[in-house]
C-alpha atoms as a PDB file:
ATOM      1  CA  MET A   1      31.585  54.842  22.226  1.00  0.00           C
ATOM      2  CA  ASN A   2      32.454  55.170  26.053  1.00  0.00           C
ATOM      3  CA  ARG A   3      35.942  55.044  27.217  1.00  0.00           C
ATOM      4  CA  ASN A   4      36.171  53.520  30.534  1.00  0.00           C
ATOM      5  CA  VAL A   5      39.691  53.643  32.189  1.00  0.00           C
ATOM      6  CA  ASN A   6      40.697  51.579  35.307  1.00  0.00           C
ATOM      7  CA  PRO A   7      43.106  53.788  37.323  1.00  0.00           C
ATOM      8  CA  HIS A   8      44.728  50.680  38.849  1.00  0.00           C
ATOM      9  CA  ALA A   9      45.264  49.059  35.487  1.00  0.00           C
ATOM     10  CA  SER A  10      47.169  50.163  32.220  1.00  0.00           C
ATOM     11  CA  THR A  11      44.241  48.593  30.306  1.00  0.00           C
ATOM     12  CA  VAL A  12      41.645  50.814  28.558  1.00  0.00           C
ATOM     13  CA  PHE A  13      38.259  49.258  27.864  1.00  0.00           C
ATOM     14  CA  TYR A  14      35.771  50.403  25.352  1.00  0.00           C
ATOM     15  CA  GLU A  15      32.005  49.829  25.627  1.00  0.00           C
ATOM     16  CA  SER A  16      29.540  50.258  22.996  1.00  0.00           C
ATOM     17  CA  ASP A  17      26.598  52.519  23.563  1.00  0.00           C
ATOM     18  CA  ASP A  18      24.383  50.275  21.195  1.00  0.00           C
ATOM     19  CA  GLU A  19      23.550  47.199  23.513  1.00  0.00           C
ATOM     20  CA  ASP A  20      21.359  45.616  20.832  1.00  0.00           C
ATOM     21  CA  ALA A  21      24.189  45.631  18.295  1.00  0.00           C
ATOM     22  CA  SER A  22      24.470  41.927  18.622  1.00  0.00           C
ATOM     23  CA  THR A  23      20.629  41.205  18.055  1.00  0.00           C
ATOM     24  CA  PRO A  24      20.968  40.900  14.289  1.00  0.00           C
ATOM     25  CA  ALA A  25      23.927  38.480  14.680  1.00  0.00           C
ATOM     26  CA  VAL A  26      21.934  36.437  17.004  1.00  0.00           C
ATOM     27  CA  ARG A  27      19.206  36.295  14.616  1.00  0.00           C
ATOM     28  CA  GLN A  28      21.478  35.289  11.870  1.00  0.00           C
ATOM     29  CA  GLY A  29      22.977  32.663  13.899  1.00  0.00           C
ATOM     30  CA  PHE A  30      19.500  31.201  14.674  1.00  0.00           C
ATOM     31  CA  PHE A  31      18.572  31.125  10.942  1.00  0.00           C
ATOM     32  CA  LYS A  32      21.887  29.554   9.901  1.00  0.00           C
ATOM     33  CA  ARG A  33      21.366  26.815  12.613  1.00  0.00           C
ATOM     34  CA  LEU A  34      17.837  26.139  11.546  1.00  0.00           C
ATOM     35  CA  LEU A  35      19.225  25.770   7.622  1.00  0.00           C
ATOM     36  CA  ARG A  36      21.907  23.590   8.885  1.00  0.00           C
ATOM     37  CA  ARG A  37      19.198  21.280  10.661  1.00  0.00           C
ATOM     38  CA  PHE A  38      16.533  21.373   7.895  1.00  0.00           C
ATOM     39  CA  SER A  39      16.667  21.516   4.087  1.00  0.00           C
ATOM     40  CA  VAL A  40      14.703  23.937   2.096  1.00  0.00           C
ATOM     41  CA  LEU A  41      12.001  21.448   1.842  1.00  0.00           C
ATOM     42  CA  GLY A  42      12.127  20.652   5.431  1.00  0.00           C
ATOM     43  CA  LEU A  43      11.706  24.235   6.220  1.00  0.00           C
ATOM     44  CA  ILE A  44       8.758  24.243   4.212  1.00  0.00           C
ATOM     45  CA  GLY A  45       7.193  21.015   5.949  1.00  0.00           C
ATOM     46  CA  LEU A  46       7.948  22.759   9.206  1.00  0.00           C
ATOM     47  CA  LEU A  47       5.915  25.904   8.429  1.00  0.00           C
ATOM     48  CA  ILE A  48       3.096  23.820   7.241  1.00  0.00           C
ATOM     49  CA  VAL A  49       3.041  21.803  10.478  1.00  0.00           C
ATOM     50  CA  VAL A  50       3.497  24.820  12.608  1.00  0.00           C
ATOM     51  CA  PHE A  51       0.671  26.638  10.682  1.00  0.00           C
ATOM     52  CA  TRP A  52      -1.843  23.807  11.294  1.00  0.00           C
ATOM     53  CA  LEU A  53      -1.017  23.257  14.893  1.00  0.00           C
ATOM     54  CA  ALA A  54      -1.571  27.036  15.425  1.00  0.00           C
ATOM     55  CA  ILE A  55      -4.817  26.680  13.491  1.00  0.00           C
ATOM     56  CA  ALA A  56      -5.960  24.097  15.683  1.00  0.00           C
ATOM     57  CA  LEU A  57      -5.277  26.057  18.872  1.00  0.00           C
ATOM     58  CA  ILE A  58      -6.840  29.391  17.561  1.00  0.00           C
ATOM     59  CA  GLY A  59      -8.964  28.278  14.708  1.00  0.00           C
ATOM     60  CA  PRO A  60     -12.332  28.926  16.551  1.00  0.00           C
ATOM     61  CA  VAL A  61     -11.234  32.097  17.755  1.00  0.00           C
ATOM     62  CA  VAL A  62     -10.228  33.807  14.466  1.00  0.00           C
ATOM     63  CA  ALA A  63     -13.025  32.078  12.453  1.00  0.00           C
ATOM     64  CA  PRO A  64     -15.164  34.763  10.714  1.00  0.00           C
ATOM     65  CA  TYR A  65     -18.456  32.914  11.633  1.00  0.00           C
ATOM     66  CA  LYS A  66     -19.605  30.230  14.045  1.00  0.00           C
ATOM     67  CA  GLY A  67     -18.985  26.750  12.790  1.00  0.00           C
ATOM     68  CA  GLY A  68     -22.570  25.886  12.409  1.00  0.00           C
ATOM     69  CA  ALA A  69     -24.107  29.315  11.333  1.00  0.00           C
ATOM     70  CA  PHE A  70     -26.015  29.617   8.091  1.00  0.00           C
ATOM     71  CA  THR A  71     -24.532  32.668   6.564  1.00  0.00           C
ATOM     72  CA  SER A  72     -25.677  32.525   3.049  1.00  0.00           C
ATOM     73  CA  THR A  73     -28.628  31.535   0.985  1.00  0.00           C
ATOM     74  CA  GLU A  74     -26.425  30.208  -1.748  1.00  0.00           C
ATOM     75  CA  VAL A  75     -25.472  26.477  -1.592  1.00  0.00           C
ATOM     76  CA  PHE A  76     -21.945  25.446  -2.849  1.00  0.00           C
ATOM     77  CA  GLY A  77     -21.146  29.053  -3.132  1.00  0.00           C
ATOM     78  CA  SER A  78     -17.817  30.092  -5.013  1.00  0.00           C
ATOM     79  CA  TYR A  79     -15.152  32.409  -3.476  1.00  0.00           C
ATOM     80  CA  SER A  80     -16.213  35.949  -2.510  1.00  0.00           C
ATOM     81  CA  ALA A  81     -15.344  38.616   0.100  1.00  0.00           C
ATOM     82  CA  ALA A  82     -18.016  37.533   2.410  1.00  0.00           C
ATOM     83  CA  HIS A  83     -17.108  33.921   2.084  1.00  0.00           C
ATOM     84  CA  LEU A  84     -13.320  33.426   1.160  1.00  0.00           C
ATOM     85  CA  LEU A  85     -13.577  29.654   0.676  1.00  0.00           C
ATOM     86  CA  GLY A  86     -17.127  29.603  -0.533  1.00  0.00           C
ATOM     87  CA  THR A  87     -20.215  28.027   1.153  1.00  0.00           C
ATOM     88  CA  ASP A  88     -21.302  24.442   1.796  1.00  0.00           C
ATOM     89  CA  TYR A  89     -24.207  22.424   0.874  1.00  0.00           C
ATOM     90  CA  LEU A  90     -26.186  24.209   3.618  1.00  0.00           C
ATOM     91  CA  GLY A  91     -24.884  27.599   2.936  1.00  0.00           C
ATOM     92  CA  ARG A  92     -22.404  27.740   5.676  1.00  0.00           C
ATOM     93  CA  ASP A  93     -19.185  29.450   5.499  1.00  0.00           C
ATOM     94  CA  MET A  94     -16.491  27.094   4.601  1.00  0.00           C
ATOM     95  CA  LEU A  95     -13.447  28.964   5.995  1.00  0.00           C
ATOM     96  CA  SER A  96     -15.162  28.753   9.382  1.00  0.00           C
ATOM     97  CA  ARG A  97     -16.079  25.043   9.009  1.00  0.00           C
ATOM     98  CA  ILE A  98     -12.359  24.243   8.166  1.00  0.00           C
ATOM     99  CA  LEU A  99     -11.046  26.448  10.920  1.00  0.00           C
ATOM    100  CA  TYR A 100     -13.390  24.585  13.533  1.00  0.00           C
ATOM    101  CA  GLY A 101     -12.725  21.128  11.973  1.00  0.00           C
ATOM    102  CA  THR A 102      -8.992  21.527  12.426  1.00  0.00           C
ATOM    103  CA  GLN A 103      -9.091  21.096  15.917  1.00  0.00           C
ATOM    104  CA  TYR A 104     -10.810  17.761  15.440  1.00  0.00           C
ATOM    105  CA  THR A 105      -8.480  16.550  12.708  1.00  0.00           C
ATOM    106  CA  VAL A 106      -5.017  17.684  14.148  1.00  0.00           C
ATOM    107  CA  GLY A 107      -6.016  17.410  17.964  1.00  0.00           C
ATOM    108  CA  LEU A 108      -7.616  13.980  17.710  1.00  0.00           C
ATOM    109  CA  ALA A 109      -4.777  12.486  15.557  1.00  0.00           C
ATOM    110  CA  LEU A 110      -2.176  14.136  17.672  1.00  0.00           C
ATOM    111  CA  ALA A 111      -3.823  12.718  21.001  1.00  0.00           C
ATOM    112  CA  ALA A 112      -4.207   9.335  19.233  1.00  0.00           C
ATOM    113  CA  THR A 113      -0.588   9.268  18.193  1.00  0.00           C
ATOM    114  CA  VAL A 114       0.796  10.458  21.517  1.00  0.00           C
ATOM    115  CA  LEU A 115      -1.092   7.412  23.011  1.00  0.00           C
ATOM    116  CA  ALA A 116      -0.174   4.988  20.465  1.00  0.00           C
ATOM    117  CA  SER A 117       3.647   5.896  20.666  1.00  0.00           C
ATOM    118  CA  CYS A 118       3.913   6.125  24.548  1.00  0.00           C
ATOM    119  CA  ILE A 119       2.188   2.886  24.958  1.00  0.00           C
ATOM    120  CA  GLY A 120       3.956   1.225  22.112  1.00  0.00           C
ATOM    121  CA  THR A 121       7.530   2.524  23.321  1.00  0.00           C
ATOM    122  CA  PHE A 122       6.642   1.338  27.006  1.00  0.00           C
ATOM    123  CA  PHE A 123       6.023  -2.266  26.024  1.00  0.00           C
ATOM    124  CA  GLY A 124       8.881  -2.195  23.523  1.00  0.00           C
ATOM    125  CA  LEU A 125      11.312  -1.361  26.129  1.00  0.00           C
ATOM    126  CA  LEU A 126       9.817  -3.795  28.582  1.00  0.00           C
ATOM    127  CA  ALA A 127      10.107  -6.431  25.959  1.00  0.00           C
ATOM    128  CA  ALA A 128      13.753  -5.589  25.239  1.00  0.00           C
ATOM    129  CA  VAL A 129      14.952  -5.233  28.818  1.00  0.00           C
ATOM    130  CA  SER A 130      13.046  -8.173  30.630  1.00  0.00           C
ATOM    131  CA  GLY A 131      13.515 -11.941  30.219  1.00  0.00           C
ATOM    132  CA  GLU A 132      12.845 -13.971  27.188  1.00  0.00           C
ATOM    133  CA  TRP A 133       9.589 -15.070  28.439  1.00  0.00           C
ATOM    134  CA  VAL A 134       8.146 -11.461  28.864  1.00  0.00           C
ATOM    135  CA  ASP A 135       9.647 -10.625  25.401  1.00  0.00           C
ATOM    136  CA  GLU A 136       7.957 -13.792  23.693  1.00  0.00           C
ATOM    137  CA  ILE A 137       4.592 -13.089  25.334  1.00  0.00           C
ATOM    138  CA  LEU A 138       4.509  -9.436  24.326  1.00  0.00           C
ATOM    139  CA  SER A 139       5.705  -9.928  20.694  1.00  0.00           C
ATOM    140  CA  ARG A 140       3.185 -12.663  20.022  1.00  0.00           C
ATOM    141  CA  LEU A 141       0.409 -10.529  21.424  1.00  0.00           C
ATOM    142  CA  PHE A 142       1.054  -7.539  19.348  1.00  0.00           C
ATOM    143  CA  ASP A 143       2.052  -9.667  16.045  1.00  0.00           C
ATOM    144  CA  ALA A 144      -1.718 -10.937  16.612  1.00  0.00           C
ATOM    145  CA  LEU A 145      -2.972  -7.213  16.807  1.00  0.00           C
ATOM    146  CA  ILE A 146      -0.972  -6.199  13.806  1.00  0.00           C
ATOM    147  CA  SER A 147      -2.243  -8.805  11.715  1.00  0.00           C
ATOM    148  CA  ILE A 148      -5.697  -7.004  11.845  1.00  0.00           C
ATOM    149  CA  PRO A 149      -5.868  -4.149   9.187  1.00  0.00           C
ATOM    150  CA  SER A 150      -6.203  -1.074  11.077  1.00  0.00           C
ATOM    151  CA  LYS A 151      -9.203   0.113   8.816  1.00  0.00           C
ATOM    152  CA  ILE A 152     -11.164  -3.211   9.598  1.00  0.00           C
ATOM    153  CA  LEU A 153     -10.292  -2.944  13.249  1.00  0.00           C
ATOM    154  CA  ALA A 154     -11.587   0.563  13.341  1.00  0.00           C
ATOM    155  CA  LEU A 155     -14.734  -0.334  11.542  1.00  0.00           C
ATOM    156  CA  VAL A 156     -15.580  -3.194  13.662  1.00  0.00           C
ATOM    157  CA  VAL A 157     -14.858  -1.484  16.915  1.00  0.00           C
ATOM    158  CA  VAL A 158     -16.823   1.811  15.954  1.00  0.00           C
ATOM    159  CA  ALA A 159     -19.821  -0.253  14.659  1.00  0.00           C
ATOM    160  CA  ALA A 160     -19.833  -2.154  17.927  1.00  0.00           C
ATOM    161  CA  PHE A 161     -19.345   0.693  20.505  1.00  0.00           C
ATOM    162  CA  GLY A 162     -20.524   3.723  18.459  1.00  0.00           C
ATOM    163  CA  SER A 163     -18.628   6.675  17.384  1.00  0.00           C
ATOM    164  CA  SER A 164     -17.367   9.500  19.890  1.00  0.00           C
ATOM    165  CA  ILE A 165     -14.413  11.367  20.289  1.00  0.00           C
ATOM    166  CA  PRO A 166     -12.791   9.192  23.125  1.00  0.00           C
ATOM    167  CA  MET A 167     -13.801   5.994  21.266  1.00  0.00           C
ATOM    168  CA  LEU A 168     -12.080   7.292  17.984  1.00  0.00           C
ATOM    169  CA  MET A 169      -9.112   8.382  19.864  1.00  0.00           C
ATOM    170  CA  MET A 170      -8.691   4.798  21.608  1.00  0.00           C
ATOM    171  CA  VAL A 171      -9.451   3.009  18.248  1.00  0.00           C
ATOM    172  CA  ALA A 172      -6.862   5.055  16.298  1.00  0.00           C
ATOM    173  CA  ALA A 173      -4.272   4.440  19.035  1.00  0.00           C
ATOM    174  CA  LEU A 174      -5.232   0.812  19.413  1.00  0.00           C
ATOM    175  CA  ALA A 175      -4.746   0.191  15.676  1.00  0.00           C
ATOM    176  CA  TYR A 176      -1.007   1.698  15.571  1.00  0.00           C
ATOM    177  CA  ILE A 177       0.135   0.523  19.103  1.00  0.00           C
ATOM    178  CA  PRO A 178       1.529  -2.796  17.508  1.00  0.00           C
ATOM    179  CA  GLY A 179       3.631  -0.893  14.751  1.00  0.00           C
ATOM    180  CA  ALA A 180       5.173   1.483  17.460  1.00  0.00           C
ATOM    181  CA  PHE A 181       5.958  -1.758  19.752  1.00  0.00           C
ATOM    182  CA  ARG A 182       7.812  -3.217  16.964  1.00  0.00           C
ATOM    183  CA  ILE A 183       9.799  -0.287  16.055  1.00  0.00           C
ATOM    184  CA  SER A 184      10.648   0.426  19.610  1.00  0.00           C
ATOM    185  CA  ARG A 185      11.608  -3.105  20.562  1.00  0.00           C
ATOM    186  CA  SER A 186      13.897  -3.403  17.552  1.00  0.00           C
ATOM    187  CA  LEU A 187      15.696  -0.422  18.573  1.00  0.00           C
ATOM    188  CA  ALA A 188      16.066  -1.340  21.993  1.00  0.00           C
ATOM    189  CA  VAL A 189      17.193  -4.911  21.348  1.00  0.00           C
ATOM    190  CA  ASN A 190      19.989  -3.251  19.192  1.00  0.00           C
ATOM    191  CA  ILE A 191      20.970  -0.867  21.806  1.00  0.00           C
ATOM    192  CA  MET A 192      20.916  -3.393  24.591  1.00  0.00           C
ATOM    193  CA  SER A 193      23.690  -5.323  22.660  1.00  0.00           C
ATOM    194  CA  LEU A 194      25.806  -2.371  22.765  1.00  0.00           C
ATOM    195  CA  GLU A 195      28.954  -2.276  25.206  1.00  0.00           C
ATOM    196  CA  TYR A 196      27.919   0.697  27.434  1.00  0.00           C
ATOM    197  CA  VAL A 197      24.673  -1.131  28.170  1.00  0.00           C
ATOM    198  CA  GLN A 198      26.756  -4.213  29.071  1.00  0.00           C
ATOM    199  CA  VAL A 199      28.913  -2.242  31.258  1.00  0.00           C
ATOM    200  CA  ALA A 200      25.853  -0.733  33.053  1.00  0.00           C
ATOM    201  CA  ARG A 201      24.292  -4.384  33.506  1.00  0.00           C
ATOM    202  CA  ALA A 202      27.759  -5.445  34.882  1.00  0.00           C
ATOM    203  CA  ARG A 203      27.736  -2.641  37.536  1.00  0.00           C
ATOM    204  CA  GLY A 204      24.595  -4.040  38.597  1.00  0.00           C
ATOM    205  CA  GLU A 205      22.149  -1.129  37.402  1.00  0.00           C
ATOM    206  CA  LYS A 206      18.364  -2.028  37.630  1.00  0.00           C
ATOM    207  CA  LEU A 207      16.473  -2.596  34.779  1.00  0.00           C
ATOM    208  CA  PHE A 208      14.602   0.351  35.081  1.00  0.00           C
ATOM    209  CA  TYR A 209      17.595   2.639  35.058  1.00  0.00           C
ATOM    210  CA  ILE A 210      19.042   0.795  31.814  1.00  0.00           C
ATOM    211  CA  ALA A 211      15.885   1.427  30.064  1.00  0.00           C
ATOM    212  CA  ARG A 212      15.482   5.008  31.169  1.00  0.00           C
ATOM    213  CA  VAL A 213      18.954   6.334  31.140  1.00  0.00           C
ATOM    214  CA  GLU A 214      20.851   3.927  28.820  1.00  0.00           C
ATOM    215  CA  VAL A 215      18.358   2.916  26.251  1.00  0.00           C
ATOM    216  CA  LEU A 216      15.492   5.544  25.823  1.00  0.00           C
ATOM    217  CA  PRO A 217      17.516   8.623  25.086  1.00  0.00           C
ATOM    218  CA  ASN A 218      19.264   6.807  22.059  1.00  0.00           C
ATOM    219  CA  MET A 219      15.924   5.888  20.618  1.00  0.00           C
ATOM    220  CA  ILE A 220      14.591   9.460  20.486  1.00  0.00           C
ATOM    221  CA  HIS A 221      15.278  10.496  17.079  1.00  0.00           C
ATOM    222  CA  PRO A 222      14.243   7.154  15.124  1.00  0.00           C
ATOM    223  CA  MET A 223      10.827   7.249  17.406  1.00  0.00           C
ATOM    224  CA  LEU A 224      10.177  10.846  16.623  1.00  0.00           C
ATOM    225  CA  ALA A 225      10.417   9.854  12.894  1.00  0.00           C
ATOM    226  CA  ASP A 226       8.163   7.016  13.455  1.00  0.00           C
ATOM    227  CA  PHE A 227       5.837   9.425  15.430  1.00  0.00           C
ATOM    228  CA  GLY A 228       5.394  11.764  12.603  1.00  0.00           C
ATOM    229  CA  LEU A 229       4.480   8.853  10.214  1.00  0.00           C
ATOM    230  CA  ARG A 230       2.041   7.447  12.424  1.00  0.00           C
ATOM    231  CA  PHE A 231       0.391  10.987  12.777  1.00  0.00           C
ATOM    232  CA  VAL A 232      -0.072  10.967   9.099  1.00  0.00           C
ATOM    233  CA  PHE A 233      -1.423   7.496   9.254  1.00  0.00           C
ATOM    234  CA  ILE A 234      -3.877   8.389  11.938  1.00  0.00           C
ATOM    235  CA  VAL A 235      -5.041  11.347  10.211  1.00  0.00           C
ATOM    236  CA  LEU A 236      -5.688   9.621   7.034  1.00  0.00           C
ATOM    237  CA  LEU A 237      -7.518   6.717   9.129  1.00  0.00           C
ATOM    238  CA  LEU A 238      -9.755   9.200  10.944  1.00  0.00           C
ATOM    239  CA  SER A 239     -10.523  11.150   7.702  1.00  0.00           C
ATOM    240  CA  GLY A 240     -11.473   7.857   5.948  1.00  0.00           C
ATOM    241  CA  LEU A 241     -13.744   6.909   8.900  1.00  0.00           C
ATOM    242  CA  SER A 242     -15.507  10.325   8.751  1.00  0.00           C
ATOM    243  CA  PHE A 243     -15.741  10.222   5.167  1.00  0.00           C
ATOM    244  CA  LEU A 244     -17.660   6.739   5.667  1.00  0.00           C
ATOM    245  CA  GLY A 245     -20.076   8.649   8.286  1.00  0.00           C
ATOM    246  CA  LEU A 246     -18.335   6.724  11.321  1.00  0.00           C
ATOM    247  CA  GLY A 247     -15.923   9.359  12.413  1.00  0.00           C
ATOM    248  CA  VAL A 248     -16.784  12.751  14.213  1.00  0.00           C
ATOM    249  CA  GLN A 249     -20.568  13.151  14.083  1.00  0.00           C
ATOM    250  CA  PRO A 250     -22.499  16.308  13.409  1.00  0.00           C
ATOM    251  CA  PRO A 251     -22.924  19.166  14.258  1.00  0.00           C
ATOM    252  CA  ASN A 252     -19.154  18.759  14.698  1.00  0.00           C
ATOM    253  CA  ALA A 253     -17.063  17.869  11.785  1.00  0.00           C
ATOM    254  CA  ASP A 254     -13.488  17.091  10.760  1.00  0.00           C
ATOM    255  CA  TRP A 255     -12.039  17.483   7.225  1.00  0.00           C
ATOM    256  CA  GLY A 256     -13.136  14.236   6.244  1.00  0.00           C
ATOM    257  CA  SER A 257     -16.593  14.885   7.325  1.00  0.00           C
ATOM    258  CA  LEU A 258     -16.438  18.191   5.300  1.00  0.00           C
ATOM    259  CA  VAL A 259     -15.503  16.235   2.252  1.00  0.00           C
ATOM    260  CA  ARG A 260     -18.315  13.662   2.696  1.00  0.00           C
ATOM    261  CA  GLU A 261     -20.992  16.172   3.245  1.00  0.00           C
ATOM    262  CA  ASN A 262     -20.003  18.234   0.352  1.00  0.00           C
ATOM    263  CA  ILE A 263     -19.449  15.492  -2.164  1.00  0.00           C
ATOM    264  CA  GLY A 264     -22.296  16.561  -4.038  1.00  0.00           C
ATOM    265  CA  GLY A 265     -20.424  19.743  -5.092  1.00  0.00           C
ATOM    266  CA  LEU A 266     -17.683  17.809  -6.693  1.00  0.00           C
ATOM    267  CA  ALA A 267     -19.199  17.653 -10.390  1.00  0.00           C
ATOM    268  CA  GLU A 268     -19.208  21.448 -10.470  1.00  0.00           C
ATOM    269  CA  GLY A 269     -15.762  22.047  -8.686  1.00  0.00           C
ATOM    270  CA  ALA A 270     -17.188  23.534  -5.508  1.00  0.00           C
ATOM    271  CA  PRO A 271     -14.629  25.019  -3.001  1.00  0.00           C
ATOM    272  CA  ALA A 272     -16.630  23.125  -0.364  1.00  0.00           C
ATOM    273  CA  VAL A 273     -15.374  19.764  -1.349  1.00  0.00           C
ATOM    274  CA  LEU A 274     -11.797  21.016  -2.601  1.00  0.00           C
ATOM    275  CA  MET A 275     -10.696  23.010   0.435  1.00  0.00           C
ATOM    276  CA  PRO A 276     -10.798  20.120   3.056  1.00  0.00           C
ATOM    277  CA  ALA A 277      -9.162  17.770   0.819  1.00  0.00           C
ATOM    278  CA  ILE A 278      -6.380  20.304   0.295  1.00  0.00           C
ATOM    279  CA  ALA A 279      -6.263  20.709   3.913  1.00  0.00           C
ATOM    280  CA  ILE A 280      -5.515  16.989   4.393  1.00  0.00           C
ATOM    281  CA  ALA A 281      -3.198  16.934   1.662  1.00  0.00           C
ATOM    282  CA  THR A 282      -1.114  19.981   2.720  1.00  0.00           C
ATOM    283  CA  LEU A 283      -0.858  18.504   6.335  1.00  0.00           C
ATOM    284  CA  THR A 284       0.326  15.113   5.350  1.00  0.00           C
ATOM    285  CA  VAL A 285       2.649  16.405   2.890  1.00  0.00           C
ATOM    286  CA  GLY A 286       4.264  18.858   5.301  1.00  0.00           C
ATOM    287  CA  VAL A 287       4.708  16.212   7.966  1.00  0.00           C
ATOM    288  CA  ASN A 288       6.395  13.904   5.467  1.00  0.00           C
ATOM    289  CA  LEU A 289       8.729  16.706   4.210  1.00  0.00           C
ATOM    290  CA  LEU A 290       9.460  17.624   8.042  1.00  0.00           C
ATOM    291  CA  ILE A 291      10.075  13.767   8.858  1.00  0.00           C
ATOM    292  CA  ASP A 292      12.445  13.321   5.761  1.00  0.00           C
ATOM    293  CA  SER A 293      14.529  16.515   6.629  1.00  0.00           C
ATOM    294  CA  LEU A 294      15.065  15.442  10.228  1.00  0.00           C
ATOM    295  CA  ARG A 295      15.832  11.743   9.128  1.00  0.00           C
ATOM    296  CA  ARG A 296      18.371  13.125   6.708  1.00  0.00           C
ATOM    297  CA  HIS A 297      19.952  15.346   9.396  1.00  0.00           C
ATOM    298  CA  VAL A 298      20.383  12.589  11.841  1.00  0.00           C
ATOM    299  CA  ALA A 299      21.674  10.223   9.214  1.00  0.00           C
ATOM    300  CA  ALA A 300      24.364  12.931   8.278  1.00  0.00           C
ATOM    301  CA  ALA A 301      25.072  13.664  12.006  1.00  0.00           C
ATOM    302  CA  GLN A 302      25.792   9.994  12.779  1.00  0.00           C
ATOM    303  CA  GLY A 303      27.854   9.631   9.646  1.00  0.00           C
ATOM    304  CA  GLY A 304      29.920  12.780  10.448  1.00  0.00           C
ATOM    305  CA  GLY A 305      30.634  11.414  13.964  1.00  0.00           C
ATOM    306  CA  LYS A 306      31.920   8.062  12.624  1.00  0.00           C
END
């Protein structure tokens, strides 16, 4: 402990030698804030989502083998030191196949979800802040699109134009843009009726300003929850297309493709067919746990504010 004395003042200051003494307190405060924001199940969901996002980024780098390399003469091999998740129907390492496939399942679904949510939110805001005619035209257009089941729409478009990564992303986004439009429009219409928005309109603010400053920031939390749900739907849609042979094409593979091509090992319980299915399940469950925790936190915060 250093004793610093100011000769021009009667106050004596003490300065700690350990500058990092507050570090544990800072970390403890961070974890307390994290626990306040998320429940235990929410933290589990957050860890699962962060894990798969990290794997999507670094999966090919940490994979023990190349994704398409033939590493064993044993097909549908069981767990071993050389092949932690066994081998597939051609003797390829399943751990490597899953790590390579994560970038297609997670990356493709994330890109399609971002596209669907951004486009849907843009048109939802436009319909809410514009005149009655614009709202009516956009609402009837998206009502027509939402009446088509997403899987039927995806099957028709892929069958007509072929299966490629850009096409799959566009199809998945197109299937879920109408839902994002309806949610965002409903939120924006409710916010437009509030007093502070009416005050902004009375001040003569432009529609773009009202949409960007007054409406959009108050839609963020509900739209984030909707974003998470649409991400889950798109993961399941793309995995279903791949299971039918219309998704990611060989030599590349996502998790749905891995389940389809190893379905022959289901009778004997081969890890090659179980592990991709477990990966899909953990991702969807993790996202749902995270969304549910965030939704409860926002509801509690709003309730406390009242």
